[in-house]
Amino acid sequence: MNKRANNICKMIKGDKSIIKECLFSESKYVRMDAILWAAYHKFKDTDITERIVELKSDLACGLGYTVSNYAISALDVLEIEKYTGKDESQIALINNFLPTKELAEQAYKQNYNIS
């Protein structure tokens, strides 16, 4: 398993230290994963939320959204900063941001190649 897949599995399981590390990754996809899993686990530690606030200005784009879109969504679902804008794609992302427990388990199994 490659390092990214291993880190995703750790983030899915709630490894806070890996999430913190990945919020500073050079890879936009890893930063996006870290934001998602920080919100999923409802991590509101100051160092995590401050970094997510910083990432609101990150315009690197991947999967049709920017890192900024993910940061804005996470801050909204964590009830740190309510999104009050009118961008329909941002609102849709917020409304569908967090995976279900079943999807999280499926992602974990997929990354670990577990049947």
N, C-alpha and C. Protein backbone atom coordinates (compact mmCIF):
# COMPACT_ATOMS: atom_id res chain seq x y z
N MET A 1 0.85 -1.17 0.00
CA MET A 1 0.00 0.00 0.00
C MET A 1 0.90 1.24 0.00
N ASN A 2 0.52 2.24 -0.80
CA ASN A 2 1.32 3.44 -0.84
C ASN A 2 1.03 4.33 0.38
N LYS A 3 1.88 5.33 0.58
CA LYS A 3 1.78 6.18 1.77
C LYS A 3 0.44 6.92 1.81
N ARG A 4 -0.04 7.42 0.66
CA ARG A 4 -1.30 8.15 0.66
C ARG A 4 -2.45 7.25 1.10
N ALA A 5 -2.52 6.04 0.56
CA ALA A 5 -3.59 5.11 0.93
C ALA A 5 -3.50 4.76 2.41
N ASN A 6 -2.28 4.56 2.90
CA ASN A 6 -2.09 4.26 4.32
C ASN A 6 -2.56 5.43 5.19
N ASN A 7 -2.21 6.65 4.78
CA ASN A 7 -2.64 7.83 5.54
C ASN A 7 -4.15 8.01 5.50
N ILE A 8 -4.76 7.73 4.35
CA ILE A 8 -6.22 7.83 4.26
C ILE A 8 -6.86 6.85 5.24
N CYS A 9 -6.37 5.64 5.28
CA CYS A 9 -6.92 4.65 6.22
C CYS A 9 -6.79 5.14 7.66
N LYS A 10 -5.65 5.72 7.99
CA LYS A 10 -5.45 6.25 9.34
C LYS A 10 -6.39 7.41 9.63
N MET A 11 -6.60 8.27 8.63
CA MET A 11 -7.52 9.40 8.83
C MET A 11 -8.95 8.91 9.00
N ILE A 12 -9.35 7.91 8.20
CA ILE A 12 -10.70 7.35 8.32
C ILE A 12 -10.93 6.84 9.74
N LYS A 13 -9.91 6.23 10.30
CA LYS A 13 -10.02 5.68 11.65
C LYS A 13 -9.84 6.74 12.75
N GLY A 14 -9.54 7.98 12.34
CA GLY A 14 -9.50 9.08 13.32
C GLY A 14 -8.13 9.38 13.89
N ASP A 15 -7.07 9.07 13.16
CA ASP A 15 -5.72 9.36 13.62
C ASP A 15 -5.46 10.87 13.50
N LYS A 16 -5.63 11.56 14.61
CA LYS A 16 -5.54 13.02 14.63
C LYS A 16 -4.16 13.52 14.20
N SER A 17 -3.11 12.83 14.59
CA SER A 17 -1.77 13.29 14.23
C SER A 17 -1.54 13.22 12.72
N ILE A 18 -2.07 12.20 12.08
CA ILE A 18 -1.95 12.08 10.63
C ILE A 18 -2.78 13.15 9.94
N ILE A 19 -3.97 13.41 10.46
CA ILE A 19 -4.81 14.48 9.89
C ILE A 19 -4.08 15.81 9.98
N LYS A 20 -3.51 16.11 11.13
CA LYS A 20 -2.76 17.37 11.28
C LYS A 20 -1.62 17.45 10.29
N GLU A 21 -0.88 16.37 10.15
CA GLU A 21 0.24 16.33 9.21
C GLU A 21 -0.24 16.53 7.77
N CYS A 22 -1.32 15.87 7.42
CA CYS A 22 -1.82 15.92 6.04
C CYS A 22 -2.44 17.27 5.68
N LEU A 23 -2.87 18.03 6.66
CA LEU A 23 -3.38 19.38 6.37
C LEU A 23 -2.29 20.28 5.79
N PHE A 24 -1.03 19.89 5.97
CA PHE A 24 0.11 20.65 5.46
C PHE A 24 0.76 19.98 4.25
N SER A 25 0.14 18.96 3.72
CA SER A 25 0.71 18.22 2.59
C SER A 25 0.87 19.12 1.37
N GLU A 26 1.84 18.79 0.54
CA GLU A 26 2.01 19.48 -0.74
C GLU A 26 0.92 19.06 -1.73
N SER A 27 0.31 17.91 -1.52
CA SER A 27 -0.72 17.40 -2.42
C SER A 27 -2.08 18.00 -2.07
N LYS A 28 -2.71 18.61 -3.06
CA LYS A 28 -4.05 19.17 -2.83
C LYS A 28 -5.04 18.08 -2.44
N TYR A 29 -4.89 16.90 -3.01
CA TYR A 29 -5.82 15.81 -2.70
C TYR A 29 -5.66 15.34 -1.26
N VAL A 30 -4.45 15.31 -0.78
CA VAL A 30 -4.21 14.91 0.61
C VAL A 30 -4.77 15.96 1.56
N ARG A 31 -4.58 17.26 1.22
CA ARG A 31 -5.15 18.32 2.05
C ARG A 31 -6.67 18.20 2.09
N MET A 32 -7.27 17.92 0.92
CA MET A 32 -8.73 17.77 0.86
C MET A 32 -9.19 16.58 1.70
N ASP A 33 -8.48 15.47 1.61
CA ASP A 33 -8.81 14.30 2.44
C ASP A 33 -8.71 14.65 3.93
N ALA A 34 -7.66 15.35 4.31
CA ALA A 34 -7.47 15.70 5.72
C ALA A 34 -8.59 16.61 6.22
N ILE A 35 -9.00 17.56 5.41
CA ILE A 35 -10.11 18.44 5.79
C ILE A 35 -11.38 17.62 6.00
N LEU A 36 -11.66 16.74 5.04
CA LEU A 36 -12.86 15.90 5.12
C LEU A 36 -12.89 15.06 6.39
N TRP A 37 -11.78 14.38 6.67
CA TRP A 37 -11.78 13.47 7.82
C TRP A 37 -11.69 14.23 9.15
N ALA A 38 -11.11 15.41 9.16
CA ALA A 38 -11.14 16.24 10.37
C ALA A 38 -12.58 16.59 10.69
N ALA A 39 -13.35 16.96 9.66
CA ALA A 39 -14.76 17.30 9.87
C ALA A 39 -15.57 16.06 10.24
N TYR A 40 -15.30 14.94 9.59
CA TYR A 40 -16.02 13.69 9.87
C TYR A 40 -15.89 13.30 11.35
N HIS A 41 -14.68 13.46 11.87
CA HIS A 41 -14.44 13.08 13.27
C HIS A 41 -14.72 14.23 14.24
N LYS A 42 -15.19 15.35 13.69
CA LYS A 42 -15.56 16.52 14.50
C LYS A 42 -14.39 17.04 15.34
N PHE A 43 -13.20 17.01 14.75
CA PHE A 43 -12.02 17.53 15.44
C PHE A 43 -12.06 19.05 15.41
N LYS A 44 -12.11 19.66 16.58
CA LYS A 44 -12.18 21.11 16.69
C LYS A 44 -10.99 21.69 17.44
N ASP A 45 -9.90 20.93 17.50
CA ASP A 45 -8.69 21.43 18.14
C ASP A 45 -8.28 22.73 17.45
N THR A 46 -7.76 23.65 18.22
CA THR A 46 -7.38 24.96 17.69
C THR A 46 -6.41 24.84 16.52
N ASP A 47 -5.39 23.99 16.64
CA ASP A 47 -4.41 23.89 15.56
C ASP A 47 -5.02 23.33 14.28
N ILE A 48 -6.00 22.46 14.41
CA ILE A 48 -6.67 21.92 13.22
C ILE A 48 -7.59 22.97 12.61
N THR A 49 -8.42 23.60 13.42
CA THR A 49 -9.36 24.57 12.87
C THR A 49 -8.65 25.80 12.33
N GLU A 50 -7.57 26.23 12.97
CA GLU A 50 -6.83 27.38 12.44
C GLU A 50 -6.23 27.05 11.07
N ARG A 51 -5.74 25.83 10.90
CA ARG A 51 -5.19 25.43 9.60
C ARG A 51 -6.30 25.36 8.55
N ILE A 52 -7.46 24.84 8.93
CA ILE A 52 -8.57 24.78 7.98
C ILE A 52 -8.99 26.19 7.57
N VAL A 53 -9.01 27.12 8.52
CA VAL A 53 -9.32 28.52 8.18
C VAL A 53 -8.30 29.04 7.17
N GLU A 54 -7.03 28.75 7.38
CA GLU A 54 -5.99 29.17 6.43
C GLU A 54 -6.24 28.58 5.04
N LEU A 55 -6.73 27.36 4.99
CA LEU A 55 -6.94 26.68 3.72
C LEU A 55 -8.15 27.23 2.94
N LYS A 56 -8.92 28.13 3.55
CA LYS A 56 -10.01 28.78 2.80
C LYS A 56 -9.46 29.59 1.63
N SER A 57 -8.20 29.96 1.69
CA SER A 57 -7.61 30.75 0.59
C SER A 57 -6.86 29.86 -0.42
N ASP A 58 -6.91 28.56 -0.24
CA ASP A 58 -6.21 27.62 -1.12
C ASP A 58 -7.09 27.30 -2.33
N LEU A 59 -6.73 27.83 -3.48
CA LEU A 59 -7.55 27.67 -4.68
C LEU A 59 -7.14 26.51 -5.57
N ALA A 60 -6.27 25.62 -5.06
CA ALA A 60 -5.91 24.43 -5.82
C ALA A 60 -7.18 23.61 -6.05
N CYS A 61 -7.37 23.18 -7.29
CA CYS A 61 -8.62 22.52 -7.67
C CYS A 61 -8.39 21.04 -7.94
N GLY A 62 -9.32 20.25 -7.47
CA GLY A 62 -9.30 18.82 -7.72
C GLY A 62 -10.68 18.24 -7.51
N LEU A 63 -11.09 17.32 -8.33
CA LEU A 63 -12.40 16.67 -8.21
C LEU A 63 -13.55 17.66 -8.35
N GLY A 64 -13.32 18.74 -9.10
CA GLY A 64 -14.39 19.72 -9.33
C GLY A 64 -14.55 20.76 -8.24
N TYR A 65 -13.77 20.67 -7.19
CA TYR A 65 -13.83 21.63 -6.08
C TYR A 65 -12.42 22.08 -5.73
N THR A 66 -12.34 23.21 -5.07
CA THR A 66 -11.05 23.69 -4.58
C THR A 66 -10.84 23.22 -3.14
N VAL A 67 -9.61 23.30 -2.71
CA VAL A 67 -9.32 23.04 -1.30
C VAL A 67 -10.13 24.03 -0.46
N SER A 68 -10.24 25.25 -0.94
CA SER A 68 -11.04 26.27 -0.27
C SER A 68 -12.48 25.82 -0.07
N ASN A 69 -13.09 25.24 -1.11
CA ASN A 69 -14.47 24.74 -0.99
C ASN A 69 -14.58 23.72 0.13
N TYR A 70 -13.59 22.83 0.22
CA TYR A 70 -13.59 21.83 1.28
C TYR A 70 -13.45 22.49 2.65
N ALA A 71 -12.56 23.47 2.75
CA ALA A 71 -12.35 24.15 4.03
C ALA A 71 -13.61 24.87 4.47
N ILE A 72 -14.25 25.57 3.55
CA ILE A 72 -15.50 26.29 3.87
C ILE A 72 -16.56 25.30 4.34
N SER A 73 -16.67 24.17 3.66
CA SER A 73 -17.65 23.15 4.04
C SER A 73 -17.36 22.58 5.42
N ALA A 74 -16.10 22.27 5.68
CA ALA A 74 -15.73 21.71 6.98
C ALA A 74 -16.03 22.68 8.10
N LEU A 75 -15.69 23.94 7.90
CA LEU A 75 -15.95 24.94 8.94
C LEU A 75 -17.44 25.09 9.20
N ASP A 76 -18.25 24.95 8.15
CA ASP A 76 -19.70 25.02 8.32
C ASP A 76 -20.22 23.80 9.10
N VAL A 77 -19.84 22.59 8.68
CA VAL A 77 -20.37 21.41 9.36
C VAL A 77 -19.83 21.27 10.78
N LEU A 78 -18.65 21.84 11.04
CA LEU A 78 -18.12 21.83 12.41
C LEU A 78 -18.71 22.96 13.26
N GLU A 79 -19.57 23.77 12.64
CA GLU A 79 -20.24 24.89 13.31
C GLU A 79 -19.24 25.91 13.85
N ILE A 80 -18.19 26.14 13.06
CA ILE A 80 -17.18 27.14 13.42
C ILE A 80 -17.43 28.43 12.65
N GLU A 81 -17.73 28.29 11.35
CA GLU A 81 -18.07 29.44 10.51
C GLU A 81 -19.21 29.02 9.61
N LYS A 82 -20.37 29.59 9.81
CA LYS A 82 -21.53 29.28 8.98
C LYS A 82 -21.36 29.92 7.60
N TYR A 83 -21.56 29.13 6.56
CA TYR A 83 -21.51 29.65 5.20
C TYR A 83 -22.79 30.41 4.93
N THR A 84 -22.68 31.66 4.54
CA THR A 84 -23.86 32.49 4.27
C THR A 84 -23.94 32.93 2.82
N GLY A 85 -23.03 32.41 2.00
CA GLY A 85 -23.03 32.78 0.59
C GLY A 85 -24.15 32.11 -0.18
N LYS A 86 -24.18 32.40 -1.46
CA LYS A 86 -25.26 31.90 -2.31
C LYS A 86 -24.77 30.96 -3.42
N ASP A 87 -23.50 30.59 -3.38
CA ASP A 87 -22.95 29.70 -4.40
C ASP A 87 -23.59 28.32 -4.25
N GLU A 88 -24.37 27.95 -5.26
CA GLU A 88 -25.14 26.70 -5.16
C GLU A 88 -24.26 25.45 -5.08
N SER A 89 -23.11 25.48 -5.77
CA SER A 89 -22.23 24.31 -5.70
C SER A 89 -21.61 24.19 -4.31
N GLN A 90 -21.30 25.32 -3.68
CA GLN A 90 -20.77 25.29 -2.30
C GLN A 90 -21.84 24.79 -1.34
N ILE A 91 -23.05 25.25 -1.51
CA ILE A 91 -24.16 24.80 -0.64
C ILE A 91 -24.38 23.30 -0.81
N ALA A 92 -24.34 22.83 -2.05
CA ALA A 92 -24.51 21.40 -2.30
C ALA A 92 -23.39 20.59 -1.65
N LEU A 93 -22.16 21.10 -1.74
CA LEU A 93 -21.04 20.40 -1.11
C LEU A 93 -21.23 20.34 0.40
N ILE A 94 -21.63 21.44 1.00
CA ILE A 94 -21.87 21.46 2.46
C ILE A 94 -22.93 20.43 2.83
N ASN A 95 -24.02 20.41 2.08
CA ASN A 95 -25.13 19.52 2.40
C ASN A 95 -24.81 18.04 2.22
N ASN A 96 -23.77 17.76 1.46
CA ASN A 96 -23.39 16.36 1.19
C ASN A 96 -21.94 16.09 1.56
N PHE A 97 -21.38 16.89 2.45
CA PHE A 97 -19.94 16.86 2.71
C PHE A 97 -19.48 15.60 3.43
N LEU A 98 -20.15 15.25 4.48
CA LEU A 98 -19.67 14.14 5.31
C LEU A 98 -20.16 12.80 4.79
N PRO A 99 -19.24 11.84 4.67
CA PRO A 99 -19.67 10.51 4.26
C PRO A 99 -20.42 9.82 5.40
N THR A 100 -21.26 8.88 5.04
CA THR A 100 -21.92 8.06 6.05
C THR A 100 -20.88 7.12 6.66
N LYS A 101 -21.23 6.52 7.76
CA LYS A 101 -20.33 5.55 8.38
C LYS A 101 -20.07 4.39 7.41
N GLU A 102 -21.10 3.99 6.68
CA GLU A 102 -20.95 2.89 5.73
C GLU A 102 -19.95 3.26 4.62
N LEU A 103 -20.05 4.48 4.10
CA LEU A 103 -19.12 4.91 3.07
C LEU A 103 -17.70 5.02 3.61
N ALA A 104 -17.57 5.47 4.85
CA ALA A 104 -16.24 5.54 5.46
C ALA A 104 -15.63 4.14 5.57
N GLU A 105 -16.43 3.19 6.01
CA GLU A 105 -15.93 1.81 6.11
C GLU A 105 -15.59 1.24 4.74
N GLN A 106 -16.39 1.57 3.74
CA GLN A 106 -16.12 1.11 2.38
C GLN A 106 -14.80 1.70 1.87
N ALA A 107 -14.58 2.98 2.13
CA ALA A 107 -13.33 3.62 1.72
C ALA A 107 -12.14 2.97 2.42
N TYR A 108 -12.31 2.68 3.70
CA TYR A 108 -11.25 2.04 4.47
C TYR A 108 -10.90 0.69 3.85
N LYS A 109 -11.91 -0.10 3.58
CA LYS A 109 -11.68 -1.42 3.00
C LYS A 109 -11.05 -1.32 1.62
N GLN A 110 -11.50 -0.34 0.85
CA GLN A 110 -10.95 -0.16 -0.50
C GLN A 110 -9.47 0.20 -0.44
N ASN A 111 -9.10 1.08 0.48
CA ASN A 111 -7.71 1.49 0.59
C ASN A 111 -6.82 0.39 1.15
N TYR A 112 -7.38 -0.48 1.95
CA TYR A 112 -6.63 -1.60 2.49
C TYR A 112 -6.81 -2.88 1.68
N ASN A 113 -7.57 -2.76 0.58
CA ASN A 113 -7.85 -3.91 -0.29
C ASN A 113 -8.43 -5.08 0.49
N ILE A 114 -9.41 -4.76 1.32
CA ILE A 114 -10.11 -5.76 2.11
C ILE A 114 -11.43 -6.08 1.43
N SER A 115 -11.75 -7.35 1.27
CA SER A 115 -13.03 -7.71 0.66
C SER A 115 -14.13 -7.77 1.68
